[in-house]
């Protein structure tokens, strides 16, 4: 997915003025009642499910809505800081009559800090901003701090699922996982994740000759003290 983290600071400041934002604002106004009931702070959450999956930077929401439709018995949380993406997901939620998605319309790092430990079964980070310039690499979402939060939030043997078409970011993620030491890589990285849906961004990447990698990391139990 072309996640919400694929923009730099200047783009974020002007994102509400871009073409198409008027339509997004209209969608949000039309979905105001729906959106308020789906907000993470609304308190209206399902407690009759056993699993909760988080997607960080859901972009247009295609993958998140697809998974929520396939798994009505799972709670989903989507984090996306950009208005257009939130509006698109709200439209999909209404179209598909989904009742198992909650939205955090802001920086996911704040959400990670507030969620309770061992509360998630899966974390998806799909096509995050690669920040290709060396001086910007520290802005990548995968770093020591976020991996520590992922490990805290995932239940024992929970999954962190990372996809990228940028080889350097794939290597970067594996290196940080190795340093952390609390995850084990599993499965074939050339195989898409289960129940995968190809999005417009992935189609574009393949068309331009970039092959995605799908990394599956399982959270390990802490070593006995």
N, C-alpha and C. Protein backbone atom coordinates (compact mmCIF):
# COMPACT_ATOMS: atom_id res chain seq x y z
N UNK A 1 0.83 -1.19 0.00
CA UNK A 1 0.00 0.00 0.00
C UNK A 1 0.86 1.24 0.00
N UNK A 2 0.36 2.29 -0.58
CA UNK A 2 1.08 3.54 -0.51
C UNK A 2 0.69 4.17 0.81
N UNK A 3 1.41 3.83 1.87
CA UNK A 3 0.98 4.20 3.20
C UNK A 3 1.08 5.69 3.44
N UNK A 4 0.40 6.15 4.47
CA UNK A 4 0.40 7.56 4.81
C UNK A 4 1.75 8.10 5.18
N UNK A 5 2.74 7.23 5.36
CA UNK A 5 4.05 7.69 5.72
C UNK A 5 4.94 7.90 4.52
N UNK A 6 4.36 7.94 3.30
CA UNK A 6 5.14 8.17 2.10
C UNK A 6 5.13 9.63 1.72
N UNK A 7 5.25 10.52 2.67
CA UNK A 7 5.34 11.93 2.36
C UNK A 7 6.36 12.56 3.28
N UNK A 8 7.01 13.62 2.77
CA UNK A 8 7.95 14.31 3.64
C UNK A 8 7.24 15.43 4.39
N UNK A 9 7.98 16.17 5.21
CA UNK A 9 7.35 17.18 6.07
C UNK A 9 6.65 18.26 5.26
N UNK A 10 7.29 18.69 4.14
CA UNK A 10 6.67 19.75 3.34
C UNK A 10 5.37 19.27 2.73
N UNK A 11 5.34 18.03 2.25
CA UNK A 11 4.12 17.49 1.66
C UNK A 11 3.02 17.38 2.69
N UNK A 12 3.39 17.03 3.94
CA UNK A 12 2.38 16.88 4.98
C UNK A 12 1.70 18.22 5.25
N UNK A 13 2.49 19.31 5.26
CA UNK A 13 1.93 20.61 5.55
C UNK A 13 0.92 21.04 4.50
N UNK A 14 1.14 20.63 3.23
CA UNK A 14 0.27 21.08 2.15
C UNK A 14 -0.75 20.04 1.74
N UNK A 15 -0.81 18.92 2.46
CA UNK A 15 -1.64 17.80 1.99
C UNK A 15 -3.11 18.15 1.91
N UNK A 16 -3.57 19.06 2.74
CA UNK A 16 -4.99 19.41 2.72
C UNK A 16 -5.34 20.35 1.58
N UNK A 17 -4.36 20.85 0.85
CA UNK A 17 -4.62 21.77 -0.25
C UNK A 17 -4.50 21.10 -1.60
N UNK A 18 -4.18 19.82 -1.63
CA UNK A 18 -3.95 19.13 -2.90
C UNK A 18 -5.26 18.83 -3.62
N UNK A 19 -5.21 18.66 -4.96
CA UNK A 19 -6.42 18.27 -5.69
C UNK A 19 -7.02 17.01 -5.10
N UNK A 20 -8.33 16.99 -5.01
CA UNK A 20 -9.00 15.83 -4.46
C UNK A 20 -9.35 15.98 -3.00
N UNK A 21 -8.75 16.96 -2.33
CA UNK A 21 -9.02 17.12 -0.90
C UNK A 21 -10.42 17.66 -0.64
N UNK A 22 -10.96 18.44 -1.57
CA UNK A 22 -12.34 18.90 -1.40
C UNK A 22 -13.28 17.71 -1.35
N UNK A 23 -13.02 16.73 -2.23
CA UNK A 23 -13.85 15.52 -2.24
C UNK A 23 -13.67 14.76 -0.92
N UNK A 24 -12.43 14.71 -0.44
CA UNK A 24 -12.17 14.00 0.81
C UNK A 24 -12.91 14.67 1.96
N UNK A 25 -12.89 16.00 1.99
CA UNK A 25 -13.58 16.71 3.07
C UNK A 25 -15.08 16.45 3.00
N UNK A 26 -15.61 16.39 1.78
CA UNK A 26 -17.04 16.12 1.62
C UNK A 26 -17.35 14.71 2.13
N UNK A 27 -16.51 13.74 1.79
CA UNK A 27 -16.72 12.38 2.28
C UNK A 27 -16.68 12.33 3.79
N UNK A 28 -15.76 13.08 4.37
CA UNK A 28 -15.66 13.08 5.83
C UNK A 28 -16.89 13.72 6.46
N UNK A 29 -17.39 14.78 5.86
CA UNK A 29 -18.59 15.42 6.41
C UNK A 29 -19.78 14.48 6.31
N UNK A 30 -19.90 13.81 5.15
CA UNK A 30 -21.00 12.88 4.97
C UNK A 30 -20.89 11.70 5.93
N UNK A 31 -19.65 11.34 6.25
CA UNK A 31 -19.43 10.20 7.13
C UNK A 31 -19.12 10.60 8.57
N UNK A 32 -19.50 11.82 8.94
CA UNK A 32 -19.14 12.31 10.27
C UNK A 32 -19.69 11.42 11.37
N UNK A 33 -20.96 11.05 11.25
CA UNK A 33 -21.56 10.20 12.27
C UNK A 33 -20.89 8.84 12.30
N UNK A 34 -20.65 8.27 11.13
CA UNK A 34 -19.97 6.99 11.04
C UNK A 34 -18.57 7.10 11.61
N UNK A 35 -17.85 8.15 11.21
CA UNK A 35 -16.47 8.31 11.65
C UNK A 35 -16.35 8.45 13.15
N UNK A 36 -17.26 9.18 13.76
CA UNK A 36 -17.16 9.37 15.21
C UNK A 36 -17.35 8.05 15.95
N UNK A 37 -18.18 7.17 15.40
CA UNK A 37 -18.40 5.89 16.06
C UNK A 37 -17.23 4.95 15.87
N UNK A 38 -16.38 5.23 14.86
CA UNK A 38 -15.26 4.35 14.59
C UNK A 38 -13.96 4.89 15.16
N UNK A 39 -13.99 6.06 15.74
CA UNK A 39 -12.78 6.68 16.26
C UNK A 39 -12.24 5.88 17.43
N UNK A 40 -10.91 5.83 17.55
CA UNK A 40 -10.28 5.07 18.63
C UNK A 40 -10.68 5.58 20.00
N UNK A 41 -11.04 6.87 20.10
CA UNK A 41 -11.37 7.45 21.39
C UNK A 41 -12.84 7.37 21.72
N UNK A 42 -13.64 6.77 20.84
CA UNK A 42 -15.09 6.78 21.06
C UNK A 42 -15.51 5.85 22.18
N UNK A 43 -14.68 4.85 22.48
CA UNK A 43 -15.02 3.88 23.51
C UNK A 43 -15.99 2.81 23.03
N UNK A 44 -16.50 2.95 21.79
CA UNK A 44 -17.46 1.98 21.25
C UNK A 44 -16.70 0.88 20.51
N UNK A 45 -16.11 -0.04 21.26
CA UNK A 45 -15.30 -1.09 20.66
C UNK A 45 -15.88 -2.45 21.01
N UNK A 46 -15.64 -3.41 20.14
CA UNK A 46 -16.13 -4.77 20.38
C UNK A 46 -15.23 -5.47 21.39
N UNK A 47 -15.85 -6.12 22.34
CA UNK A 47 -15.10 -6.86 23.35
C UNK A 47 -15.31 -8.36 23.23
N UNK A 48 -16.04 -8.78 22.17
CA UNK A 48 -16.38 -10.19 22.03
C UNK A 48 -15.47 -10.91 21.04
N UNK A 49 -14.30 -10.36 20.79
CA UNK A 49 -13.37 -10.97 19.85
C UNK A 49 -12.06 -11.31 20.57
N UNK A 50 -11.34 -12.26 19.98
CA UNK A 50 -10.11 -12.71 20.62
C UNK A 50 -8.86 -12.07 20.04
N UNK A 51 -8.94 -11.55 18.81
CA UNK A 51 -7.75 -11.01 18.18
C UNK A 51 -7.95 -9.55 17.76
N UNK A 52 -6.83 -8.82 17.77
CA UNK A 52 -6.81 -7.44 17.29
C UNK A 52 -5.60 -7.27 16.39
N UNK A 53 -5.84 -6.75 15.17
CA UNK A 53 -4.77 -6.51 14.21
C UNK A 53 -4.68 -5.01 13.95
N UNK A 54 -3.45 -4.51 13.85
CA UNK A 54 -3.18 -3.10 13.59
C UNK A 54 -2.51 -2.94 12.25
N UNK A 55 -2.99 -1.99 11.43
CA UNK A 55 -2.27 -1.60 10.22
C UNK A 55 -1.83 -0.16 10.35
N UNK A 56 -0.54 0.06 10.16
CA UNK A 56 0.06 1.39 10.30
C UNK A 56 0.24 1.99 8.91
N UNK A 57 -0.33 3.19 8.70
CA UNK A 57 -0.24 3.83 7.40
C UNK A 57 -1.04 3.10 6.36
N UNK A 58 -2.38 3.07 6.54
CA UNK A 58 -3.20 2.23 5.65
C UNK A 58 -3.47 2.84 4.29
N UNK A 59 -2.97 4.04 4.02
CA UNK A 59 -3.12 4.65 2.69
C UNK A 59 -4.58 4.80 2.31
N UNK A 60 -4.99 4.18 1.20
CA UNK A 60 -6.38 4.25 0.76
C UNK A 60 -7.29 3.26 1.45
N UNK A 61 -6.74 2.41 2.31
CA UNK A 61 -7.55 1.50 3.10
C UNK A 61 -7.95 0.20 2.42
N UNK A 62 -7.43 -0.05 1.19
CA UNK A 62 -7.86 -1.26 0.47
C UNK A 62 -7.55 -2.54 1.24
N UNK A 63 -6.31 -2.64 1.72
CA UNK A 63 -5.92 -3.87 2.42
C UNK A 63 -6.68 -4.01 3.73
N UNK A 64 -6.78 -2.93 4.48
CA UNK A 64 -7.46 -2.98 5.77
C UNK A 64 -8.93 -3.38 5.62
N UNK A 65 -9.62 -2.76 4.67
CA UNK A 65 -11.03 -3.09 4.45
C UNK A 65 -11.18 -4.53 3.94
N UNK A 66 -10.26 -4.96 3.11
CA UNK A 66 -10.30 -6.33 2.58
C UNK A 66 -10.17 -7.34 3.72
N UNK A 67 -9.20 -7.12 4.60
CA UNK A 67 -9.00 -8.05 5.72
C UNK A 67 -10.19 -8.01 6.69
N UNK A 68 -10.72 -6.83 6.93
CA UNK A 68 -11.84 -6.72 7.86
C UNK A 68 -13.08 -7.43 7.33
N UNK A 69 -13.28 -7.38 6.01
CA UNK A 69 -14.40 -8.07 5.39
C UNK A 69 -14.23 -9.59 5.51
N UNK A 70 -12.99 -10.06 5.31
CA UNK A 70 -12.73 -11.50 5.38
C UNK A 70 -12.79 -12.04 6.81
N UNK A 71 -12.52 -11.16 7.79
CA UNK A 71 -12.41 -11.61 9.18
C UNK A 71 -13.30 -10.77 10.08
N UNK A 72 -14.61 -10.96 10.01
CA UNK A 72 -15.52 -10.14 10.83
C UNK A 72 -15.38 -10.41 12.32
N UNK A 73 -14.70 -11.50 12.68
CA UNK A 73 -14.53 -11.85 14.09
C UNK A 73 -13.25 -11.29 14.68
N UNK A 74 -12.56 -10.43 13.93
CA UNK A 74 -11.31 -9.83 14.41
C UNK A 74 -11.48 -8.32 14.50
N UNK A 75 -10.95 -7.72 15.55
CA UNK A 75 -10.92 -6.27 15.68
C UNK A 75 -9.75 -5.71 14.87
N UNK A 76 -9.99 -4.65 14.10
CA UNK A 76 -8.93 -4.01 13.32
C UNK A 76 -8.77 -2.57 13.77
N UNK A 77 -7.51 -2.14 13.85
CA UNK A 77 -7.19 -0.73 14.10
C UNK A 77 -6.37 -0.25 12.92
N UNK A 78 -6.75 0.89 12.36
CA UNK A 78 -5.98 1.49 11.28
C UNK A 78 -5.46 2.85 11.70
N UNK A 79 -4.18 3.10 11.46
CA UNK A 79 -3.57 4.39 11.77
C UNK A 79 -3.14 5.06 10.48
N UNK A 80 -3.60 6.29 10.27
CA UNK A 80 -3.29 7.03 9.04
C UNK A 80 -3.41 8.53 9.34
N UNK A 81 -2.34 9.30 9.11
CA UNK A 81 -2.38 10.72 9.45
C UNK A 81 -2.97 11.62 8.38
N UNK A 82 -3.24 11.11 7.17
CA UNK A 82 -3.64 11.98 6.08
C UNK A 82 -5.12 11.88 5.75
N UNK A 83 -5.72 13.04 5.53
CA UNK A 83 -7.16 13.19 5.35
C UNK A 83 -7.71 12.34 4.22
N UNK A 84 -7.03 12.35 3.06
CA UNK A 84 -7.56 11.61 1.92
C UNK A 84 -7.66 10.12 2.20
N UNK A 85 -6.65 9.57 2.86
CA UNK A 85 -6.68 8.15 3.19
C UNK A 85 -7.80 7.79 4.14
N UNK A 86 -7.99 8.62 5.17
CA UNK A 86 -9.06 8.37 6.13
C UNK A 86 -10.41 8.42 5.43
N UNK A 87 -10.59 9.41 4.55
CA UNK A 87 -11.86 9.55 3.83
C UNK A 87 -12.13 8.34 2.96
N UNK A 88 -11.09 7.84 2.28
CA UNK A 88 -11.27 6.66 1.42
C UNK A 88 -11.65 5.43 2.24
N UNK A 89 -11.01 5.28 3.41
CA UNK A 89 -11.35 4.13 4.24
C UNK A 89 -12.78 4.25 4.77
N UNK A 90 -13.19 5.43 5.16
CA UNK A 90 -14.56 5.62 5.63
C UNK A 90 -15.56 5.22 4.55
N UNK A 91 -15.25 5.59 3.30
CA UNK A 91 -16.15 5.20 2.20
C UNK A 91 -16.20 3.69 2.04
N UNK A 92 -15.06 3.02 2.18
CA UNK A 92 -15.04 1.55 2.07
C UNK A 92 -15.78 0.89 3.23
N UNK A 93 -15.65 1.47 4.42
CA UNK A 93 -16.35 0.93 5.58
C UNK A 93 -17.85 0.99 5.37
N UNK A 94 -18.31 2.11 4.83
CA UNK A 94 -19.75 2.26 4.59
C UNK A 94 -20.20 1.33 3.46
N UNK A 95 -19.40 1.29 2.39
CA UNK A 95 -19.77 0.46 1.22
C UNK A 95 -19.84 -1.02 1.58
N UNK A 96 -18.87 -1.49 2.38
CA UNK A 96 -18.80 -2.91 2.71
C UNK A 96 -19.52 -3.24 4.02
N UNK A 97 -20.11 -2.22 4.65
CA UNK A 97 -20.85 -2.40 5.91
C UNK A 97 -19.98 -3.09 6.98
N UNK A 98 -18.80 -2.50 7.18
CA UNK A 98 -17.85 -3.07 8.13
C UNK A 98 -18.09 -2.48 9.53
N UNK A 99 -18.05 -3.34 10.52
CA UNK A 99 -18.28 -2.89 11.90
C UNK A 99 -17.12 -3.25 12.82
N UNK A 100 -15.99 -3.67 12.25
CA UNK A 100 -14.89 -4.14 13.07
C UNK A 100 -13.59 -3.38 12.84
N UNK A 101 -13.70 -2.11 12.43
CA UNK A 101 -12.52 -1.26 12.22
C UNK A 101 -12.62 -0.03 13.11
N UNK A 102 -11.51 0.31 13.77
CA UNK A 102 -11.38 1.57 14.49
C UNK A 102 -10.23 2.34 13.86
N UNK A 103 -10.36 3.68 13.84
CA UNK A 103 -9.40 4.53 13.13
C UNK A 103 -8.68 5.46 14.09
N UNK A 104 -7.35 5.51 13.95
CA UNK A 104 -6.54 6.53 14.61
C UNK A 104 -6.06 7.47 13.51
N UNK A 105 -6.63 8.66 13.44
CA UNK A 105 -6.31 9.59 12.35
C UNK A 105 -5.18 10.53 12.77
N UNK A 106 -4.03 9.94 13.04
CA UNK A 106 -2.86 10.72 13.45
C UNK A 106 -1.62 9.87 13.34
N UNK A 107 -0.53 10.39 13.88
CA UNK A 107 0.75 9.70 13.85
C UNK A 107 0.65 8.41 14.66
N UNK A 108 1.00 7.29 14.04
CA UNK A 108 0.88 5.99 14.70
C UNK A 108 1.77 5.86 15.92
N UNK A 109 2.85 6.64 15.96
CA UNK A 109 3.77 6.51 17.09
C UNK A 109 3.09 6.90 18.40
N UNK A 110 2.17 7.87 18.35
CA UNK A 110 1.43 8.24 19.55
C UNK A 110 0.49 7.12 19.97
N UNK A 111 -0.10 6.46 18.98
CA UNK A 111 -0.98 5.34 19.27
C UNK A 111 -0.21 4.21 19.94
N UNK A 112 0.98 3.90 19.42
CA UNK A 112 1.78 2.82 19.99
C UNK A 112 2.07 3.06 21.46
N UNK A 113 2.27 4.31 21.82
CA UNK A 113 2.60 4.64 23.20
C UNK A 113 1.43 4.43 24.15
N UNK A 114 0.21 4.51 23.62
CA UNK A 114 -0.96 4.47 24.50
C UNK A 114 -1.62 3.10 24.59
N UNK A 115 -1.38 2.22 23.62
CA UNK A 115 -2.00 0.90 23.65
C UNK A 115 -1.39 0.05 24.77
N UNK A 116 -2.18 -0.80 25.40
CA UNK A 116 -1.65 -1.65 26.47
C UNK A 116 -0.77 -2.77 25.93
N UNK A 117 0.14 -3.26 26.75
CA UNK A 117 1.03 -4.33 26.35
C UNK A 117 0.29 -5.62 26.03
N UNK A 118 0.86 -6.41 25.13
CA UNK A 118 0.30 -7.70 24.73
C UNK A 118 -1.16 -7.59 24.31
N UNK A 119 -1.48 -6.52 23.57
CA UNK A 119 -2.87 -6.30 23.15
C UNK A 119 -3.10 -6.59 21.67
N UNK A 120 -2.04 -6.85 20.90
CA UNK A 120 -2.16 -7.03 19.46
C UNK A 120 -1.69 -8.42 19.04
N UNK A 121 -2.35 -8.96 18.03
CA UNK A 121 -1.96 -10.24 17.46
C UNK A 121 -1.15 -10.08 16.18
N UNK A 122 -1.40 -8.98 15.46
CA UNK A 122 -0.64 -8.69 14.24
C UNK A 122 -0.45 -7.19 14.11
N UNK A 123 0.71 -6.85 13.52
CA UNK A 123 0.98 -5.47 13.13
C UNK A 123 1.42 -5.49 11.67
N UNK A 124 0.70 -4.77 10.81
CA UNK A 124 1.07 -4.62 9.40
C UNK A 124 1.74 -3.27 9.20
N UNK A 125 2.87 -3.28 8.52
CA UNK A 125 3.52 -2.06 8.05
C UNK A 125 3.84 -2.30 6.58
N UNK A 126 3.00 -1.76 5.70
CA UNK A 126 3.04 -2.10 4.29
C UNK A 126 3.48 -0.90 3.45
N UNK A 127 4.60 -1.05 2.78
CA UNK A 127 5.14 -0.02 1.90
C UNK A 127 5.29 1.34 2.60
N UNK A 128 5.97 1.38 3.72
CA UNK A 128 6.19 2.67 4.37
C UNK A 128 7.18 3.52 3.58
N UNK A 129 7.20 4.80 3.87
CA UNK A 129 8.12 5.72 3.20
C UNK A 129 9.55 5.22 3.39
N UNK A 130 10.30 4.98 2.29
CA UNK A 130 11.66 4.44 2.43
C UNK A 130 12.71 5.48 2.82
N UNK A 131 12.38 6.77 2.71
CA UNK A 131 13.37 7.82 3.00
C UNK A 131 14.73 7.39 2.42
N UNK A 132 14.87 7.41 1.09
CA UNK A 132 16.05 6.82 0.44
C UNK A 132 17.36 7.57 0.67
N UNK A 133 17.30 8.86 0.96
CA UNK A 133 18.54 9.60 1.17
C UNK A 133 19.13 9.24 2.53
N UNK A 134 20.45 9.06 2.54
CA UNK A 134 21.12 8.61 3.77
C UNK A 134 20.85 9.55 4.94
N UNK A 135 20.80 10.84 4.68
CA UNK A 135 20.62 11.78 5.78
C UNK A 135 19.20 11.73 6.35
N UNK A 136 18.27 11.08 5.62
CA UNK A 136 16.89 10.98 6.08
C UNK A 136 16.55 9.60 6.65
N UNK A 137 17.51 8.68 6.61
CA UNK A 137 17.22 7.29 7.02
C UNK A 137 16.70 7.21 8.45
N UNK A 138 17.13 8.12 9.30
CA UNK A 138 16.68 8.09 10.70
C UNK A 138 15.18 8.34 10.82
N UNK A 139 14.55 8.83 9.75
CA UNK A 139 13.10 9.07 9.78
C UNK A 139 12.29 7.82 9.46
N UNK A 140 12.94 6.76 9.04
CA UNK A 140 12.21 5.54 8.71
C UNK A 140 11.43 5.04 9.92
N UNK A 141 10.25 4.51 9.64
CA UNK A 141 9.38 4.09 10.74
C UNK A 141 9.98 2.92 11.51
N UNK A 142 10.67 2.04 10.81
CA UNK A 142 11.33 0.93 11.50
C UNK A 142 12.62 1.44 12.13
N UNK A 143 12.67 1.40 13.44
CA UNK A 143 13.87 1.78 14.18
C UNK A 143 13.83 1.06 15.53
N UNK A 144 14.84 1.29 16.33
CA UNK A 144 14.93 0.58 17.61
C UNK A 144 13.74 0.88 18.50
N UNK A 145 13.27 2.15 18.49
CA UNK A 145 12.18 2.53 19.37
C UNK A 145 10.85 1.88 18.97
N UNK A 146 10.54 1.90 17.67
CA UNK A 146 9.26 1.32 17.25
C UNK A 146 9.29 -0.21 17.37
N UNK A 147 10.42 -0.83 17.12
CA UNK A 147 10.48 -2.28 17.30
C UNK A 147 10.30 -2.66 18.77
N UNK A 148 10.82 -1.85 19.66
CA UNK A 148 10.60 -2.10 21.10
C UNK A 148 9.12 -1.99 21.43
N UNK A 149 8.43 -1.02 20.82
CA UNK A 149 6.99 -0.88 21.04
C UNK A 149 6.23 -2.06 20.43
N UNK A 150 6.62 -2.48 19.23
CA UNK A 150 5.97 -3.63 18.60
C UNK A 150 6.08 -4.86 19.50
N UNK A 151 7.27 -5.09 20.03
CA UNK A 151 7.48 -6.27 20.86
C UNK A 151 6.67 -6.18 22.15
N UNK A 152 6.54 -4.98 22.68
CA UNK A 152 5.72 -4.79 23.89
C UNK A 152 4.25 -5.03 23.61
N UNK A 153 3.79 -4.61 22.44
CA UNK A 153 2.36 -4.65 22.13
C UNK A 153 1.90 -6.01 21.62
N UNK A 154 2.78 -6.75 20.96
CA UNK A 154 2.37 -8.03 20.41
C UNK A 154 2.25 -9.09 21.51
N UNK A 155 1.23 -9.90 21.37
CA UNK A 155 1.12 -11.05 22.26
C UNK A 155 2.25 -12.04 21.94
N UNK A 156 2.57 -12.93 22.87
CA UNK A 156 3.58 -13.94 22.57
C UNK A 156 3.25 -14.67 21.26
N UNK A 157 4.23 -14.75 20.37
CA UNK A 157 4.11 -15.37 19.05
C UNK A 157 3.25 -14.56 18.09
N UNK A 158 2.99 -13.30 18.43
CA UNK A 158 2.29 -12.41 17.50
C UNK A 158 3.18 -12.07 16.31
N UNK A 159 2.58 -11.51 15.26
CA UNK A 159 3.29 -11.30 14.00
C UNK A 159 3.45 -9.82 13.66
N UNK A 160 4.66 -9.47 13.21
CA UNK A 160 4.93 -8.18 12.59
C UNK A 160 5.15 -8.47 11.11
N UNK A 161 4.29 -7.90 10.25
CA UNK A 161 4.31 -8.16 8.81
C UNK A 161 4.72 -6.88 8.09
N UNK A 162 5.83 -6.96 7.38
CA UNK A 162 6.43 -5.79 6.73
C UNK A 162 6.57 -6.07 5.23
N UNK A 163 6.10 -5.13 4.41
CA UNK A 163 6.25 -5.27 2.96
C UNK A 163 6.89 -4.01 2.39
N UNK A 164 7.82 -4.21 1.45
CA UNK A 164 8.46 -3.07 0.79
C UNK A 164 9.01 -3.53 -0.55
N UNK A 165 9.08 -2.60 -1.49
CA UNK A 165 9.70 -2.87 -2.79
C UNK A 165 11.08 -2.20 -2.87
N UNK A 166 11.58 -1.70 -1.75
CA UNK A 166 12.87 -1.03 -1.70
C UNK A 166 13.86 -1.94 -0.99
N UNK A 167 14.81 -2.49 -1.74
CA UNK A 167 15.72 -3.51 -1.20
C UNK A 167 16.49 -2.98 0.01
N UNK A 168 16.90 -1.73 -0.04
CA UNK A 168 17.67 -1.17 1.08
C UNK A 168 16.84 -1.13 2.36
N UNK A 169 15.54 -0.84 2.22
CA UNK A 169 14.68 -0.80 3.41
C UNK A 169 14.43 -2.21 3.95
N UNK A 170 14.35 -3.18 3.06
CA UNK A 170 14.21 -4.57 3.48
C UNK A 170 15.43 -4.98 4.30
N UNK A 171 16.64 -4.66 3.79
CA UNK A 171 17.87 -4.98 4.52
C UNK A 171 17.92 -4.24 5.85
N UNK A 172 17.53 -2.97 5.82
CA UNK A 172 17.50 -2.15 7.04
C UNK A 172 16.61 -2.78 8.11
N UNK A 173 15.44 -3.24 7.68
CA UNK A 173 14.50 -3.84 8.63
C UNK A 173 15.06 -5.13 9.22
N UNK A 174 15.63 -5.96 8.39
CA UNK A 174 16.23 -7.20 8.89
C UNK A 174 17.37 -6.91 9.88
N UNK A 175 18.17 -5.91 9.58
CA UNK A 175 19.28 -5.57 10.47
C UNK A 175 18.76 -5.11 11.83
N UNK A 176 17.72 -4.27 11.83
CA UNK A 176 17.17 -3.77 13.09
C UNK A 176 16.48 -4.90 13.86
N UNK A 177 15.83 -5.80 13.15
CA UNK A 177 15.22 -6.96 13.80
C UNK A 177 16.30 -7.80 14.48
N UNK A 178 17.42 -8.02 13.79
CA UNK A 178 18.50 -8.81 14.34
C UNK A 178 19.07 -8.17 15.60
N UNK A 179 19.24 -6.87 15.56
CA UNK A 179 19.78 -6.16 16.72
C UNK A 179 18.81 -6.24 17.89
N UNK A 180 17.52 -6.11 17.62
CA UNK A 180 16.53 -6.18 18.69
C UNK A 180 16.56 -7.54 19.39
N UNK A 181 16.53 -8.60 18.60
CA UNK A 181 16.65 -9.95 19.14
C UNK A 181 15.37 -10.58 19.63
N UNK A 182 14.25 -9.87 19.53
CA UNK A 182 13.01 -10.41 20.06
C UNK A 182 12.05 -10.96 19.02
N UNK A 183 12.53 -11.09 17.77
CA UNK A 183 11.70 -11.59 16.68
C UNK A 183 12.46 -12.65 15.89
N UNK A 184 11.70 -13.54 15.24
CA UNK A 184 12.28 -14.54 14.35
C UNK A 184 11.60 -14.43 13.00
N UNK A 185 12.40 -14.36 11.93
CA UNK A 185 11.82 -14.29 10.59
C UNK A 185 11.33 -15.67 10.16
N UNK A 186 10.15 -15.68 9.52
CA UNK A 186 9.56 -16.93 9.05
C UNK A 186 9.07 -16.75 7.61
N UNK A 187 8.82 -17.87 6.94
CA UNK A 187 8.18 -17.91 5.63
C UNK A 187 9.07 -17.36 4.52
N UNK A 188 8.62 -17.56 3.30
CA UNK A 188 9.35 -17.14 2.11
C UNK A 188 9.02 -15.68 1.81
N UNK A 189 10.03 -14.79 1.80
CA UNK A 189 9.74 -13.36 1.59
C UNK A 189 9.23 -13.03 0.19
N UNK A 190 9.30 -13.97 -0.73
CA UNK A 190 8.75 -13.72 -2.07
C UNK A 190 7.26 -14.03 -2.15
N UNK A 191 6.73 -14.68 -1.12
CA UNK A 191 5.31 -15.04 -1.11
C UNK A 191 4.49 -13.97 -0.39
N UNK A 192 3.46 -13.43 -1.03
CA UNK A 192 2.61 -12.46 -0.34
C UNK A 192 1.98 -13.06 0.91
N UNK A 193 1.58 -12.20 1.82
CA UNK A 193 0.93 -12.64 3.05
C UNK A 193 -0.41 -13.30 2.74
N UNK A 194 -0.92 -14.08 3.68
CA UNK A 194 -2.20 -14.76 3.48
C UNK A 194 -3.31 -13.74 3.24
N UNK A 195 -4.27 -14.12 2.40
CA UNK A 195 -5.43 -13.26 2.07
C UNK A 195 -4.98 -11.92 1.50
N UNK A 196 -3.90 -11.95 0.73
CA UNK A 196 -3.32 -10.71 0.22
C UNK A 196 -4.19 -10.11 -0.87
N UNK A 197 -4.21 -8.79 -0.93
CA UNK A 197 -4.87 -8.07 -2.01
C UNK A 197 -3.84 -7.10 -2.61
N UNK A 198 -3.66 -7.17 -3.92
CA UNK A 198 -2.70 -6.29 -4.58
C UNK A 198 -3.32 -4.91 -4.75
N UNK A 199 -2.59 -3.89 -4.34
CA UNK A 199 -3.09 -2.52 -4.42
C UNK A 199 -2.47 -1.79 -5.60
N UNK A 200 -2.97 -0.58 -5.82
CA UNK A 200 -2.47 0.21 -6.94
C UNK A 200 -0.98 0.49 -6.81
N UNK A 201 -0.53 0.72 -5.57
CA UNK A 201 0.89 1.01 -5.39
C UNK A 201 1.74 -0.20 -5.76
N UNK A 202 1.34 -1.38 -5.34
CA UNK A 202 2.13 -2.57 -5.65
C UNK A 202 2.15 -2.85 -7.15
N UNK A 203 1.02 -2.66 -7.81
CA UNK A 203 0.96 -2.84 -9.26
C UNK A 203 1.94 -1.89 -9.94
N UNK A 204 1.98 -0.64 -9.47
CA UNK A 204 2.89 0.36 -10.03
C UNK A 204 4.35 -0.04 -9.80
N UNK A 205 4.65 -0.53 -8.60
CA UNK A 205 6.03 -0.94 -8.29
C UNK A 205 6.47 -2.07 -9.21
N UNK A 206 5.61 -3.06 -9.39
CA UNK A 206 5.96 -4.19 -10.26
C UNK A 206 6.13 -3.72 -11.71
N UNK A 207 5.26 -2.82 -12.13
CA UNK A 207 5.34 -2.31 -13.50
C UNK A 207 6.67 -1.60 -13.74
N UNK A 208 7.19 -0.97 -12.69
CA UNK A 208 8.45 -0.24 -12.80
C UNK A 208 9.66 -1.12 -12.48
N UNK A 209 9.42 -2.44 -12.33
CA UNK A 209 10.51 -3.37 -12.17
C UNK A 209 10.99 -3.61 -10.75
N UNK A 210 10.23 -3.17 -9.77
CA UNK A 210 10.60 -3.37 -8.37
C UNK A 210 9.78 -4.52 -7.78
N UNK A 211 10.46 -5.54 -7.32
CA UNK A 211 9.78 -6.71 -6.76
C UNK A 211 9.63 -6.54 -5.25
N UNK A 212 8.42 -6.68 -4.73
CA UNK A 212 8.22 -6.53 -3.29
C UNK A 212 8.78 -7.71 -2.51
N UNK A 213 9.13 -7.44 -1.27
CA UNK A 213 9.48 -8.49 -0.31
C UNK A 213 8.45 -8.44 0.80
N UNK A 214 8.02 -9.62 1.25
CA UNK A 214 7.01 -9.73 2.30
C UNK A 214 7.67 -10.43 3.49
N UNK A 215 8.04 -9.66 4.49
CA UNK A 215 8.77 -10.18 5.64
C UNK A 215 7.82 -10.48 6.79
N UNK A 216 7.93 -11.68 7.32
CA UNK A 216 7.10 -12.11 8.45
C UNK A 216 8.00 -12.34 9.66
N UNK A 217 7.76 -11.60 10.73
CA UNK A 217 8.54 -11.72 11.95
C UNK A 217 7.62 -12.13 13.09
N UNK A 218 7.99 -13.19 13.79
CA UNK A 218 7.20 -13.66 14.92
C UNK A 218 7.84 -13.19 16.23
N UNK A 219 7.00 -12.64 17.09
CA UNK A 219 7.48 -12.17 18.38
C UNK A 219 7.83 -13.35 19.27
N UNK A 220 9.02 -13.31 19.85
CA UNK A 220 9.49 -14.40 20.70
C UNK A 220 9.22 -14.09 22.17
N UNK A 221 9.04 -15.14 22.94
CA UNK A 221 8.89 -14.96 24.38
C UNK A 221 10.20 -14.47 24.96
N UNK A 222 10.15 -13.57 25.96
CA UNK A 222 11.39 -13.14 26.61
C UNK A 222 12.09 -14.33 27.26
N UNK A 223 13.41 -14.27 27.25
CA UNK A 223 14.17 -15.33 27.92
C UNK A 223 13.87 -15.29 29.41
N UNK A 224 13.79 -16.47 30.07
CA UNK A 224 13.55 -16.49 31.52
C UNK A 224 14.61 -15.69 32.25
N UNK A 225 14.15 -14.89 33.23
CA UNK A 225 15.06 -14.04 33.97
C UNK A 225 16.05 -14.84 34.78
